[in-house]
Amino acid sequence: MQSSEPQNGGVADAQRGNWVDRYFPELAKPFARLARWDRPIGFWLLFWPCAFSLAMAAMVEPARGFNMWTLILMFIGAVAMRGAGCTLNDIVDAELDAQVERTRSRPIPSGDVSKQQAALFLSAQLLVGFMIICQFNWLTIGLGVLSLGLVAIYPFMKRVTWWPQLFLGLAFSWGALLGWTSETDSLSMAPLLLYVGSVLWVIGYDTIYALQDVEDDVMVGIKSTARLFGERAKLWVGLFYAGALACWLIAGVMAGGGTLFVPLLLIPGLMLAWQVATLDLKSPQNALVRFKANHWVGLALMLAFLVEHLF
């Protein structure tokens, strides 16, 4: 297990010497850690479905081009909403986090931030997210507001179902709809399949992430797909990843992808296959490395859509 003794007031599962530790004022560091800004992989994984769908929308209507300004807005929104989700999760889970080695050094269980302070910080982040979503059309605004329901219920799912990763996937993949509607002001089967593929991808990579905490989760009664699948976790992760690739392939072809998109999809496919083939169910560090590798899967998929659009 990873050590629960952080250095310089950091948290146990953040890389030492990260940009928050180096550059943030001392008063701001606990809040930056609460929003997980010291672990940027989360907001990248929330952002990539937005980027997929923006690139796929550009592929459908090449004359309109790829909307870089919308991409920037959605990146800011992803940072704000990922931080808000983490803040809410830590408010709800403070007592559980205090019992788990990897999480007991987080700002609320460690006493660096009170629940009241966290609630105010949560409100500020939600306000930023609301300001971002209001820049788009009414369909995108409506979908953005609907996503708050998924954000709100997710922290409770690990208590009532073995499938909290499904609910995380439903929330984390919402950008696959928002990016498309922000450009087209409509929904169709292609973005819906892109969304389903992203949900399956999230279930797969968050099962890998949850492998880090299986022993502690058993002791405190937290449910997860990692516990549910047990020794068959590699098989299940592989099936979810295969389903994700199939959905992305069909979505891309329906949106007009072909000559370049289809072969380029092999790159994220090989990355996902590597994760499954080399996954060690007993090694938290092995699981963390493969979980973080999904940042590059997201980038590769976005580029597959974008290259098809450009060339």
C-alpha atoms as a PDB file:
ATOM      1  CA  MET A   1       0.000   0.000   0.000  1.00  0.00           C
ATOM      2  CA  GLN A   2       1.042   3.584  -0.543  1.00  0.00           C
ATOM      3  CA  SER A   3       2.192   5.513   2.463  1.00  0.00           C
ATOM      4  CA  SER A   4      -0.419   7.711   4.096  1.00  0.00           C
ATOM      5  CA  GLU A   5       2.197  10.142   5.395  1.00  0.00           C
ATOM      6  CA  PRO A   6       2.335  13.057   2.971  1.00  0.00           C
ATOM      7  CA  GLN A   7       5.185  15.473   2.737  1.00  0.00           C
ATOM      8  CA  ASN A   8       4.775  19.229   3.246  1.00  0.00           C
ATOM      9  CA  GLY A   9       1.048  18.923   3.920  1.00  0.00           C
ATOM     10  CA  GLY A  10       0.332  17.159   0.630  1.00  0.00           C
ATOM     11  CA  VAL A  11      -1.863  14.139   0.110  1.00  0.00           C
ATOM     12  CA  ALA A  12      -0.647  10.575  -0.090  1.00  0.00           C
ATOM     13  CA  ASP A  13      -1.634   9.856  -3.696  1.00  0.00           C
ATOM     14  CA  ALA A  14      -0.340  13.094  -5.248  1.00  0.00           C
ATOM     15  CA  GLN A  15       3.057  13.246  -6.891  1.00  0.00           C
ATOM     16  CA  ARG A  16       5.601  14.965  -4.675  1.00  0.00           C
ATOM     17  CA  GLY A  17       6.714  18.357  -5.916  1.00  0.00           C
ATOM     18  CA  ASN A  18       3.647  18.863  -8.083  1.00  0.00           C
ATOM     19  CA  TRP A  19       2.719  22.347  -9.296  1.00  0.00           C
ATOM     20  CA  VAL A  20       0.366  22.986  -6.362  1.00  0.00           C
ATOM     21  CA  ASP A  21       3.106  22.132  -3.855  1.00  0.00           C
ATOM     22  CA  ARG A  22       5.606  24.344  -5.698  1.00  0.00           C
ATOM     23  CA  TYR A  23       3.657  27.418  -6.706  1.00  0.00           C
ATOM     24  CA  PHE A  24       0.445  27.879  -4.737  1.00  0.00           C
ATOM     25  CA  PRO A  25       0.265  30.161  -1.672  1.00  0.00           C
ATOM     26  CA  GLU A  26       0.032  28.197   1.579  1.00  0.00           C
ATOM     27  CA  LEU A  27      -3.533  29.372   2.258  1.00  0.00           C
ATOM     28  CA  ALA A  28      -4.690  28.164  -1.158  1.00  0.00           C
ATOM     29  CA  LYS A  29      -2.968  24.766  -1.137  1.00  0.00           C
ATOM     30  CA  PRO A  30      -5.622  22.872   0.887  1.00  0.00           C
ATOM     31  CA  PHE A  31      -8.369  24.057  -1.474  1.00  0.00           C
ATOM     32  CA  ALA A  32      -6.319  23.225  -4.567  1.00  0.00           C
ATOM     33  CA  ARG A  33      -5.783  19.742  -3.122  1.00  0.00           C
ATOM     34  CA  LEU A  34      -9.489  19.469  -2.346  1.00  0.00           C
ATOM     35  CA  ALA A  35     -10.235  20.152  -6.030  1.00  0.00           C
ATOM     36  CA  ARG A  36      -7.462  17.665  -7.005  1.00  0.00           C
ATOM     37  CA  TRP A  37      -5.573  20.317  -8.984  1.00  0.00           C
ATOM     38  CA  ASP A  38      -2.427  18.559  -7.771  1.00  0.00           C
ATOM     39  CA  ARG A  39      -3.669  15.469  -9.664  1.00  0.00           C
ATOM     40  CA  PRO A  40      -4.665  16.807 -13.087  1.00  0.00           C
ATOM     41  CA  ILE A  41      -5.430  13.406 -14.608  1.00  0.00           C
ATOM     42  CA  GLY A  42      -9.031  13.732 -13.416  1.00  0.00           C
ATOM     43  CA  PHE A  43      -9.886  16.940 -15.210  1.00  0.00           C
ATOM     44  CA  TRP A  44      -8.162  15.680 -18.356  1.00  0.00           C
ATOM     45  CA  LEU A  45     -10.330  12.552 -18.299  1.00  0.00           C
ATOM     46  CA  LEU A  46     -13.442  14.696 -17.827  1.00  0.00           C
ATOM     47  CA  PHE A  47     -12.349  16.994 -20.644  1.00  0.00           C
ATOM     48  CA  TRP A  48     -11.521  14.412 -23.321  1.00  0.00           C
ATOM     49  CA  PRO A  49     -15.129  13.404 -24.122  1.00  0.00           C
ATOM     50  CA  CYS A  50     -15.849  17.104 -24.780  1.00  0.00           C
ATOM     51  CA  ALA A  51     -12.887  17.185 -27.168  1.00  0.00           C
ATOM     52  CA  PHE A  52     -13.973  13.923 -28.875  1.00  0.00           C
ATOM     53  CA  SER A  53     -17.391  15.262 -29.660  1.00  0.00           C
ATOM     54  CA  LEU A  54     -16.178  18.686 -30.783  1.00  0.00           C
ATOM     55  CA  ALA A  55     -13.778  17.010 -33.221  1.00  0.00           C
ATOM     56  CA  MET A  56     -16.468  14.606 -34.408  1.00  0.00           C
ATOM     57  CA  ALA A  57     -18.886  17.514 -34.973  1.00  0.00           C
ATOM     58  CA  ALA A  58     -16.210  19.252 -37.054  1.00  0.00           C
ATOM     59  CA  MET A  59     -15.810  16.052 -39.054  1.00  0.00           C
ATOM     60  CA  VAL A  60     -19.507  16.079 -39.948  1.00  0.00           C
ATOM     61  CA  GLU A  61     -19.440  19.694 -41.160  1.00  0.00           C
ATOM     62  CA  PRO A  62     -15.870  20.416 -42.340  1.00  0.00           C
ATOM     63  CA  ALA A  63     -16.722  23.898 -43.620  1.00  0.00           C
ATOM     64  CA  ARG A  64     -17.542  25.039 -40.081  1.00  0.00           C
ATOM     65  CA  GLY A  65     -14.150  23.956 -38.785  1.00  0.00           C
ATOM     66  CA  PHE A  66     -12.970  22.915 -35.355  1.00  0.00           C
ATOM     67  CA  ASN A  67     -14.125  25.369 -32.672  1.00  0.00           C
ATOM     68  CA  MET A  68     -10.994  26.093 -30.628  1.00  0.00           C
ATOM     69  CA  TRP A  69     -12.726  28.695 -28.436  1.00  0.00           C
ATOM     70  CA  THR A  70     -15.369  26.162 -27.396  1.00  0.00           C
ATOM     71  CA  LEU A  71     -12.579  23.683 -26.649  1.00  0.00           C
ATOM     72  CA  ILE A  72     -10.936  26.205 -24.300  1.00  0.00           C
ATOM     73  CA  LEU A  73     -14.231  26.989 -22.556  1.00  0.00           C
ATOM     74  CA  MET A  74     -14.947  23.305 -22.070  1.00  0.00           C
ATOM     75  CA  PHE A  75     -11.479  22.721 -20.660  1.00  0.00           C
ATOM     76  CA  ILE A  76     -12.070  25.449 -18.062  1.00  0.00           C
ATOM     77  CA  GLY A  77     -15.482  23.948 -17.357  1.00  0.00           C
ATOM     78  CA  ALA A  78     -13.963  20.487 -16.944  1.00  0.00           C
ATOM     79  CA  VAL A  79     -11.448  21.788 -14.396  1.00  0.00           C
ATOM     80  CA  ALA A  80     -14.208  23.569 -12.461  1.00  0.00           C
ATOM     81  CA  MET A  81     -16.692  20.700 -12.508  1.00  0.00           C
ATOM     82  CA  ARG A  82     -14.130  18.014 -11.738  1.00  0.00           C
ATOM     83  CA  GLY A  83     -13.039  20.114  -8.766  1.00  0.00           C
ATOM     84  CA  ALA A  84     -16.657  20.575  -7.700  1.00  0.00           C
ATOM     85  CA  GLY A  85     -17.298  16.838  -7.943  1.00  0.00           C
ATOM     86  CA  CYS A  86     -14.210  16.015  -5.902  1.00  0.00           C
ATOM     87  CA  THR A  87     -15.133  18.624  -3.294  1.00  0.00           C
ATOM     88  CA  LEU A  88     -18.650  17.225  -2.940  1.00  0.00           C
ATOM     89  CA  ASN A  89     -17.271  13.685  -2.816  1.00  0.00           C
ATOM     90  CA  ASP A  90     -14.865  14.620  -0.013  1.00  0.00           C
ATOM     91  CA  ILE A  91     -17.590  16.370   1.995  1.00  0.00           C
ATOM     92  CA  VAL A  92     -19.780  13.271   1.786  1.00  0.00           C
ATOM     93  CA  ASP A  93     -16.936  10.778   2.314  1.00  0.00           C
ATOM     94  CA  ALA A  94     -14.936  12.545   5.039  1.00  0.00           C
ATOM     95  CA  GLU A  95     -15.531   9.818   7.633  1.00  0.00           C
ATOM     96  CA  LEU A  96     -14.839   6.996   5.170  1.00  0.00           C
ATOM     97  CA  ASP A  97     -11.722   8.731   3.822  1.00  0.00           C
ATOM     98  CA  ALA A  98     -10.339   8.919   7.351  1.00  0.00           C
ATOM     99  CA  GLN A  99     -10.344   5.099   7.460  1.00  0.00           C
ATOM    100  CA  VAL A 100      -8.607   4.486   4.115  1.00  0.00           C
ATOM    101  CA  GLU A 101      -4.818   4.757   3.952  1.00  0.00           C
ATOM    102  CA  ARG A 102      -4.658   6.458   0.546  1.00  0.00           C
ATOM    103  CA  THR A 103      -7.294   9.088   1.390  1.00  0.00           C
ATOM    104  CA  ARG A 104      -6.924   9.924   5.073  1.00  0.00           C
ATOM    105  CA  SER A 105      -4.478  12.752   4.270  1.00  0.00           C
ATOM    106  CA  ARG A 106      -7.023  14.592   2.106  1.00  0.00           C
ATOM    107  CA  PRO A 107      -7.852  18.138   3.284  1.00  0.00           C
ATOM    108  CA  ILE A 108     -11.133  17.429   5.108  1.00  0.00           C
ATOM    109  CA  PRO A 109     -10.236  14.253   7.061  1.00  0.00           C
ATOM    110  CA  SER A 110      -6.808  15.730   7.866  1.00  0.00           C
ATOM    111  CA  GLY A 111      -8.431  18.895   9.245  1.00  0.00           C
ATOM    112  CA  ASP A 112      -6.860  21.321   6.765  1.00  0.00           C
ATOM    113  CA  VAL A 113     -10.305  22.354   5.456  1.00  0.00           C
ATOM    114  CA  SER A 114     -13.623  22.321   7.349  1.00  0.00           C
ATOM    115  CA  LYS A 115     -16.813  21.035   5.754  1.00  0.00           C
ATOM    116  CA  GLN A 116     -18.239  24.566   5.860  1.00  0.00           C
ATOM    117  CA  GLN A 117     -15.221  25.967   4.010  1.00  0.00           C
ATOM    118  CA  ALA A 118     -15.447  23.105   1.513  1.00  0.00           C
ATOM    119  CA  ALA A 119     -19.125  23.881   0.890  1.00  0.00           C
ATOM    120  CA  LEU A 120     -18.296  27.511   0.059  1.00  0.00           C
ATOM    121  CA  PHE A 121     -15.512  26.379  -2.269  1.00  0.00           C
ATOM    122  CA  LEU A 122     -17.930  23.931  -3.900  1.00  0.00           C
ATOM    123  CA  SER A 123     -20.374  26.787  -4.561  1.00  0.00           C
ATOM    124  CA  ALA A 124     -17.639  28.903  -6.171  1.00  0.00           C
ATOM    125  CA  GLN A 125     -16.635  26.090  -8.519  1.00  0.00           C
ATOM    126  CA  LEU A 126     -20.242  25.397  -9.484  1.00  0.00           C
ATOM    127  CA  LEU A 127     -20.654  29.084 -10.279  1.00  0.00           C
ATOM    128  CA  VAL A 128     -17.683  28.937 -12.654  1.00  0.00           C
ATOM    129  CA  GLY A 129     -19.164  25.862 -14.328  1.00  0.00           C
ATOM    130  CA  PHE A 130     -22.538  27.578 -14.669  1.00  0.00           C
ATOM    131  CA  MET A 131     -20.946  30.658 -16.226  1.00  0.00           C
ATOM    132  CA  ILE A 132     -19.170  28.450 -18.769  1.00  0.00           C
ATOM    133  CA  ILE A 133     -22.237  26.438 -19.777  1.00  0.00           C
ATOM    134  CA  CYS A 134     -24.250  29.656 -20.225  1.00  0.00           C
ATOM    135  CA  GLN A 135     -22.009  30.556 -23.169  1.00  0.00           C
ATOM    136  CA  PHE A 136     -23.702  27.883 -25.302  1.00  0.00           C
ATOM    137  CA  ASN A 137     -27.111  27.207 -26.859  1.00  0.00           C
ATOM    138  CA  TRP A 138     -30.186  26.271 -24.829  1.00  0.00           C
ATOM    139  CA  LEU A 139     -29.941  22.537 -25.558  1.00  0.00           C
ATOM    140  CA  THR A 140     -26.360  22.464 -24.254  1.00  0.00           C
ATOM    141  CA  ILE A 141     -27.350  24.542 -21.204  1.00  0.00           C
ATOM    142  CA  GLY A 142     -30.212  22.150 -20.453  1.00  0.00           C
ATOM    143  CA  LEU A 143     -27.984  19.093 -20.756  1.00  0.00           C
ATOM    144  CA  GLY A 144     -25.373  20.765 -18.575  1.00  0.00           C
ATOM    145  CA  VAL A 145     -27.930  21.397 -15.840  1.00  0.00           C
ATOM    146  CA  LEU A 146     -29.160  17.792 -16.077  1.00  0.00           C
ATOM    147  CA  SER A 147     -25.624  16.537 -15.483  1.00  0.00           C
ATOM    148  CA  LEU A 148     -25.713  18.043 -11.983  1.00  0.00           C
ATOM    149  CA  GLY A 149     -28.027  15.237 -10.914  1.00  0.00           C
ATOM    150  CA  LEU A 150     -25.378  12.658 -11.795  1.00  0.00           C
ATOM    151  CA  VAL A 151     -22.708  14.709 -10.026  1.00  0.00           C
ATOM    152  CA  ALA A 152     -24.885  14.886  -6.903  1.00  0.00           C
ATOM    153  CA  ILE A 153     -25.725  11.185  -6.611  1.00  0.00           C
ATOM    154  CA  TYR A 154     -22.337   9.703  -7.498  1.00  0.00           C
ATOM    155  CA  PRO A 155     -20.703  10.074  -4.040  1.00  0.00           C
ATOM    156  CA  PHE A 156     -23.457   7.939  -2.494  1.00  0.00           C
ATOM    157  CA  MET A 157     -23.323   5.093  -5.010  1.00  0.00           C
ATOM    158  CA  LYS A 158     -20.373   3.282  -3.437  1.00  0.00           C
ATOM    159  CA  ARG A 159     -22.595   2.714  -0.403  1.00  0.00           C
ATOM    160  CA  VAL A 160     -25.603   1.230  -2.218  1.00  0.00           C
ATOM    161  CA  THR A 161     -24.359  -0.530  -5.376  1.00  0.00           C
ATOM    162  CA  TRP A 162     -21.429  -2.576  -6.604  1.00  0.00           C
ATOM    163  CA  TRP A 163     -21.452  -0.363  -9.720  1.00  0.00           C
ATOM    164  CA  PRO A 164     -20.361   3.136  -8.619  1.00  0.00           C
ATOM    165  CA  GLN A 165     -18.062   3.129 -11.660  1.00  0.00           C
ATOM    166  CA  LEU A 166     -21.153   3.061 -13.899  1.00  0.00           C
ATOM    167  CA  PHE A 167     -22.473   6.244 -12.296  1.00  0.00           C
ATOM    168  CA  LEU A 168     -19.066   7.872 -12.573  1.00  0.00           C
ATOM    169  CA  GLY A 169     -19.071   6.925 -16.252  1.00  0.00           C
ATOM    170  CA  LEU A 170     -22.494   8.459 -16.798  1.00  0.00           C
ATOM    171  CA  ALA A 171     -21.274  11.732 -15.263  1.00  0.00           C
ATOM    172  CA  PHE A 172     -17.719  11.816 -16.620  1.00  0.00           C
ATOM    173  CA  SER A 173     -18.800  11.062 -20.195  1.00  0.00           C
ATOM    174  CA  TRP A 174     -21.446  13.796 -20.390  1.00  0.00           C
ATOM    175  CA  GLY A 175     -19.090  16.005 -22.378  1.00  0.00           C
ATOM    176  CA  ALA A 176     -19.528  13.622 -25.326  1.00  0.00           C
ATOM    177  CA  LEU A 177     -23.029  15.076 -25.614  1.00  0.00           C
ATOM    178  CA  LEU A 178     -22.193  18.668 -24.693  1.00  0.00           C
ATOM    179  CA  GLY A 179     -19.452  19.152 -27.274  1.00  0.00           C
ATOM    180  CA  TRP A 180     -21.690  17.903 -30.063  1.00  0.00           C
ATOM    181  CA  THR A 181     -24.773  19.918 -29.089  1.00  0.00           C
ATOM    182  CA  SER A 182     -22.719  23.096 -28.608  1.00  0.00           C
ATOM    183  CA  GLU A 183     -21.857  22.909 -32.313  1.00  0.00           C
ATOM    184  CA  THR A 184     -24.960  21.358 -33.874  1.00  0.00           C
ATOM    185  CA  ASP A 185     -27.783  22.305 -31.456  1.00  0.00           C
ATOM    186  CA  SER A 186     -29.113  18.768 -31.903  1.00  0.00           C
ATOM    187  CA  LEU A 187     -28.567  15.161 -30.857  1.00  0.00           C
ATOM    188  CA  SER A 188     -28.279  12.076 -33.052  1.00  0.00           C
ATOM    189  CA  MET A 189     -27.155   8.465 -32.846  1.00  0.00           C
ATOM    190  CA  ALA A 190     -23.460   9.258 -33.452  1.00  0.00           C
ATOM    191  CA  PRO A 191     -22.939  11.367 -30.281  1.00  0.00           C
ATOM    192  CA  LEU A 192     -25.117   8.971 -28.279  1.00  0.00           C
ATOM    193  CA  LEU A 193     -22.856   6.074 -29.300  1.00  0.00           C
ATOM    194  CA  LEU A 194     -19.821   8.226 -28.537  1.00  0.00           C
ATOM    195  CA  TYR A 195     -21.301   8.774 -25.064  1.00  0.00           C
ATOM    196  CA  VAL A 196     -21.985   5.062 -24.497  1.00  0.00           C
ATOM    197  CA  GLY A 197     -18.428   4.238 -25.565  1.00  0.00           C
ATOM    198  CA  SER A 198     -17.064   6.817 -23.156  1.00  0.00           C
ATOM    199  CA  VAL A 199     -19.166   5.385 -20.309  1.00  0.00           C
ATOM    200  CA  LEU A 200     -17.718   1.915 -20.968  1.00  0.00           C
ATOM    201  CA  TRP A 201     -14.208   3.407 -21.088  1.00  0.00           C
ATOM    202  CA  VAL A 202     -14.722   5.095 -17.709  1.00  0.00           C
ATOM    203  CA  ILE A 203     -16.025   1.898 -16.110  1.00  0.00           C
ATOM    204  CA  GLY A 204     -12.895   0.127 -17.347  1.00  0.00           C
ATOM    205  CA  TYR A 205     -10.324   2.657 -16.211  1.00  0.00           C
ATOM    206  CA  ASP A 206     -12.036   3.409 -12.891  1.00  0.00           C
ATOM    207  CA  THR A 207     -12.143  -0.315 -12.129  1.00  0.00           C
ATOM    208  CA  ILE A 208      -8.370  -0.246 -12.578  1.00  0.00           C
ATOM    209  CA  TYR A 209      -8.169   2.815 -10.303  1.00  0.00           C
ATOM    210  CA  ALA A 210     -10.289   1.097  -7.632  1.00  0.00           C
ATOM    211  CA  LEU A 211      -7.857  -1.845  -7.492  1.00  0.00           C
ATOM    212  CA  GLN A 212      -5.622   0.403  -5.373  1.00  0.00           C
ATOM    213  CA  ASP A 213      -8.123   0.412  -2.495  1.00  0.00           C
ATOM    214  CA  VAL A 214      -9.614  -3.095  -2.503  1.00  0.00           C
ATOM    215  CA  GLU A 215      -8.220  -4.120   0.891  1.00  0.00           C
ATOM    216  CA  ASP A 216      -9.287  -0.907   2.630  1.00  0.00           C
ATOM    217  CA  ASP A 217     -12.653  -0.935   0.855  1.00  0.00           C
ATOM    218  CA  VAL A 218     -13.373  -4.410   2.233  1.00  0.00           C
ATOM    219  CA  MET A 219     -12.685  -3.200   5.777  1.00  0.00           C
ATOM    220  CA  VAL A 220     -14.904  -0.102   5.602  1.00  0.00           C
ATOM    221  CA  GLY A 221     -17.629  -1.572   3.389  1.00  0.00           C
ATOM    222  CA  ILE A 222     -17.108   0.482   0.212  1.00  0.00           C
ATOM    223  CA  LYS A 223     -18.407  -1.245  -2.908  1.00  0.00           C
ATOM    224  CA  SER A 224     -16.756  -1.138  -6.336  1.00  0.00           C
ATOM    225  CA  THR A 225     -16.499  -3.057  -9.568  1.00  0.00           C
ATOM    226  CA  ALA A 226     -12.918  -3.929  -8.587  1.00  0.00           C
ATOM    227  CA  ARG A 227     -14.287  -5.840  -5.593  1.00  0.00           C
ATOM    228  CA  LEU A 228     -17.206  -7.235  -7.586  1.00  0.00           C
ATOM    229  CA  PHE A 229     -15.039  -8.621 -10.391  1.00  0.00           C
ATOM    230  CA  GLY A 230     -12.226  -9.867  -8.145  1.00  0.00           C
ATOM    231  CA  GLU A 231      -9.799 -12.117  -9.989  1.00  0.00           C
ATOM    232  CA  ARG A 232     -11.787 -11.631 -13.211  1.00  0.00           C
ATOM    233  CA  ALA A 233     -11.140  -7.879 -13.250  1.00  0.00           C
ATOM    234  CA  LYS A 234      -8.745  -8.080 -16.217  1.00  0.00           C
ATOM    235  CA  LEU A 235     -11.353  -9.913 -18.284  1.00  0.00           C
ATOM    236  CA  TRP A 236     -14.075  -7.409 -17.429  1.00  0.00           C
ATOM    237  CA  VAL A 237     -11.880  -4.380 -18.045  1.00  0.00           C
ATOM    238  CA  GLY A 238     -10.956  -5.869 -21.417  1.00  0.00           C
ATOM    239  CA  LEU A 239     -14.630  -6.337 -22.291  1.00  0.00           C
ATOM    240  CA  PHE A 240     -15.494  -2.767 -21.332  1.00  0.00           C
ATOM    241  CA  TYR A 241     -12.588  -1.419 -23.356  1.00  0.00           C
ATOM    242  CA  ALA A 242     -13.591  -3.552 -26.358  1.00  0.00           C
ATOM    243  CA  GLY A 243     -17.145  -2.237 -26.088  1.00  0.00           C
ATOM    244  CA  ALA A 244     -15.864   1.330 -25.906  1.00  0.00           C
ATOM    245  CA  LEU A 245     -13.784   0.901 -29.055  1.00  0.00           C
ATOM    246  CA  ALA A 246     -16.719  -0.663 -30.917  1.00  0.00           C
ATOM    247  CA  CYS A 247     -19.012   2.240 -29.992  1.00  0.00           C
ATOM    248  CA  TRP A 248     -16.383   4.825 -30.939  1.00  0.00           C
ATOM    249  CA  LEU A 249     -15.773   3.089 -34.266  1.00  0.00           C
ATOM    250  CA  ILE A 250     -19.470   3.023 -35.181  1.00  0.00           C
ATOM    251  CA  ALA A 251     -19.972   6.619 -34.005  1.00  0.00           C
ATOM    252  CA  GLY A 252     -17.035   7.818 -36.074  1.00  0.00           C
ATOM    253  CA  VAL A 253     -18.151   5.985 -39.206  1.00  0.00           C
ATOM    254  CA  MET A 254     -21.715   7.302 -38.793  1.00  0.00           C
ATOM    255  CA  ALA A 255     -20.279  10.824 -38.553  1.00  0.00           C
ATOM    256  CA  GLY A 256     -18.380  10.380 -41.800  1.00  0.00           C
ATOM    257  CA  GLY A 257     -15.054   8.957 -40.628  1.00  0.00           C
ATOM    258  CA  GLY A 258     -13.302   6.369 -42.717  1.00  0.00           C
ATOM    259  CA  THR A 259      -9.984   6.398 -44.536  1.00  0.00           C
ATOM    260  CA  LEU A 260      -8.012   8.055 -41.734  1.00  0.00           C
ATOM    261  CA  PHE A 261     -10.222   7.697 -38.670  1.00  0.00           C
ATOM    262  CA  VAL A 262     -10.569   3.910 -38.753  1.00  0.00           C
ATOM    263  CA  PRO A 263      -6.827   3.064 -38.895  1.00  0.00           C
ATOM    264  CA  LEU A 264      -5.996   5.827 -36.403  1.00  0.00           C
ATOM    265  CA  LEU A 265      -8.438   4.254 -33.938  1.00  0.00           C
ATOM    266  CA  LEU A 266      -5.934   1.398 -33.699  1.00  0.00           C
ATOM    267  CA  ILE A 267      -3.661   3.655 -31.629  1.00  0.00           C
ATOM    268  CA  PRO A 268      -6.003   4.097 -28.634  1.00  0.00           C
ATOM    269  CA  GLY A 269      -7.010   0.473 -29.135  1.00  0.00           C
ATOM    270  CA  LEU A 270      -3.416  -0.707 -28.696  1.00  0.00           C
ATOM    271  CA  MET A 271      -3.007   1.531 -25.651  1.00  0.00           C
ATOM    272  CA  LEU A 272      -6.067  -0.036 -24.030  1.00  0.00           C
ATOM    273  CA  ALA A 273      -4.885  -3.547 -24.942  1.00  0.00           C
ATOM    274  CA  TRP A 274      -1.517  -2.812 -23.279  1.00  0.00           C
ATOM    275  CA  GLN A 275      -3.277  -1.752 -20.094  1.00  0.00           C
ATOM    276  CA  VAL A 276      -5.229  -5.002 -19.892  1.00  0.00           C
ATOM    277  CA  ALA A 277      -2.329  -7.255 -20.892  1.00  0.00           C
ATOM    278  CA  THR A 278       0.080  -5.803 -18.327  1.00  0.00           C
ATOM    279  CA  LEU A 279      -2.355  -5.112 -15.467  1.00  0.00           C
ATOM    280  CA  ASP A 280      -1.273  -6.599 -12.128  1.00  0.00           C
ATOM    281  CA  LEU A 281      -4.318  -6.940  -9.895  1.00  0.00           C
ATOM    282  CA  LYS A 282      -2.160  -7.071  -6.757  1.00  0.00           C
ATOM    283  CA  SER A 283      -0.019  -3.983  -7.399  1.00  0.00           C
ATOM    284  CA  PRO A 284      -1.525  -0.560  -6.575  1.00  0.00           C
ATOM    285  CA  GLN A 285       1.357   1.203  -8.358  1.00  0.00           C
ATOM    286  CA  ASN A 286       0.822  -0.887 -11.492  1.00  0.00           C
ATOM    287  CA  ALA A 287      -2.876   0.011 -11.442  1.00  0.00           C
ATOM    288  CA  LEU A 288      -2.176   3.721 -10.971  1.00  0.00           C
ATOM    289  CA  VAL A 289       0.212   3.845 -13.942  1.00  0.00           C
ATOM    290  CA  ARG A 290      -2.302   2.141 -16.230  1.00  0.00           C
ATOM    291  CA  PHE A 291      -5.135   4.350 -15.012  1.00  0.00           C
ATOM    292  CA  LYS A 292      -3.119   7.509 -15.766  1.00  0.00           C
ATOM    293  CA  ALA A 293      -2.251   6.162 -19.227  1.00  0.00           C
ATOM    294  CA  ASN A 294      -5.856   6.841 -20.226  1.00  0.00           C
ATOM    295  CA  HIS A 295      -4.923  10.499 -20.657  1.00  0.00           C
ATOM    296  CA  TRP A 296      -3.030   9.444 -23.785  1.00  0.00           C
ATOM    297  CA  VAL A 297      -5.917   7.251 -24.919  1.00  0.00           C
ATOM    298  CA  GLY A 298      -8.145  10.331 -24.804  1.00  0.00           C
ATOM    299  CA  LEU A 299      -5.659  12.445 -26.711  1.00  0.00           C
ATOM    300  CA  ALA A 300      -5.211   9.741 -29.372  1.00  0.00           C
ATOM    301  CA  LEU A 301      -8.954   9.381 -29.925  1.00  0.00           C
ATOM    302  CA  MET A 302      -9.470  13.137 -30.209  1.00  0.00           C
ATOM    303  CA  LEU A 303      -6.646  13.344 -32.747  1.00  0.00           C
ATOM    304  CA  ALA A 304      -8.171  10.485 -34.764  1.00  0.00           C
ATOM    305  CA  PHE A 305     -11.340  12.548 -35.220  1.00  0.00           C
ATOM    306  CA  LEU A 306      -9.391  15.759 -35.801  1.00  0.00           C
ATOM    307  CA  VAL A 307      -7.045  14.291 -38.430  1.00  0.00           C
ATOM    308  CA  GLU A 308     -10.046  12.940 -40.343  1.00  0.00           C
ATOM    309  CA  HIS A 309     -11.595  16.413 -40.226  1.00  0.00           C
ATOM    310  CA  LEU A 310      -8.423  18.206 -41.340  1.00  0.00           C
ATOM    311  CA  PHE A 311      -7.298  15.892 -44.133  1.00  0.00           C
END
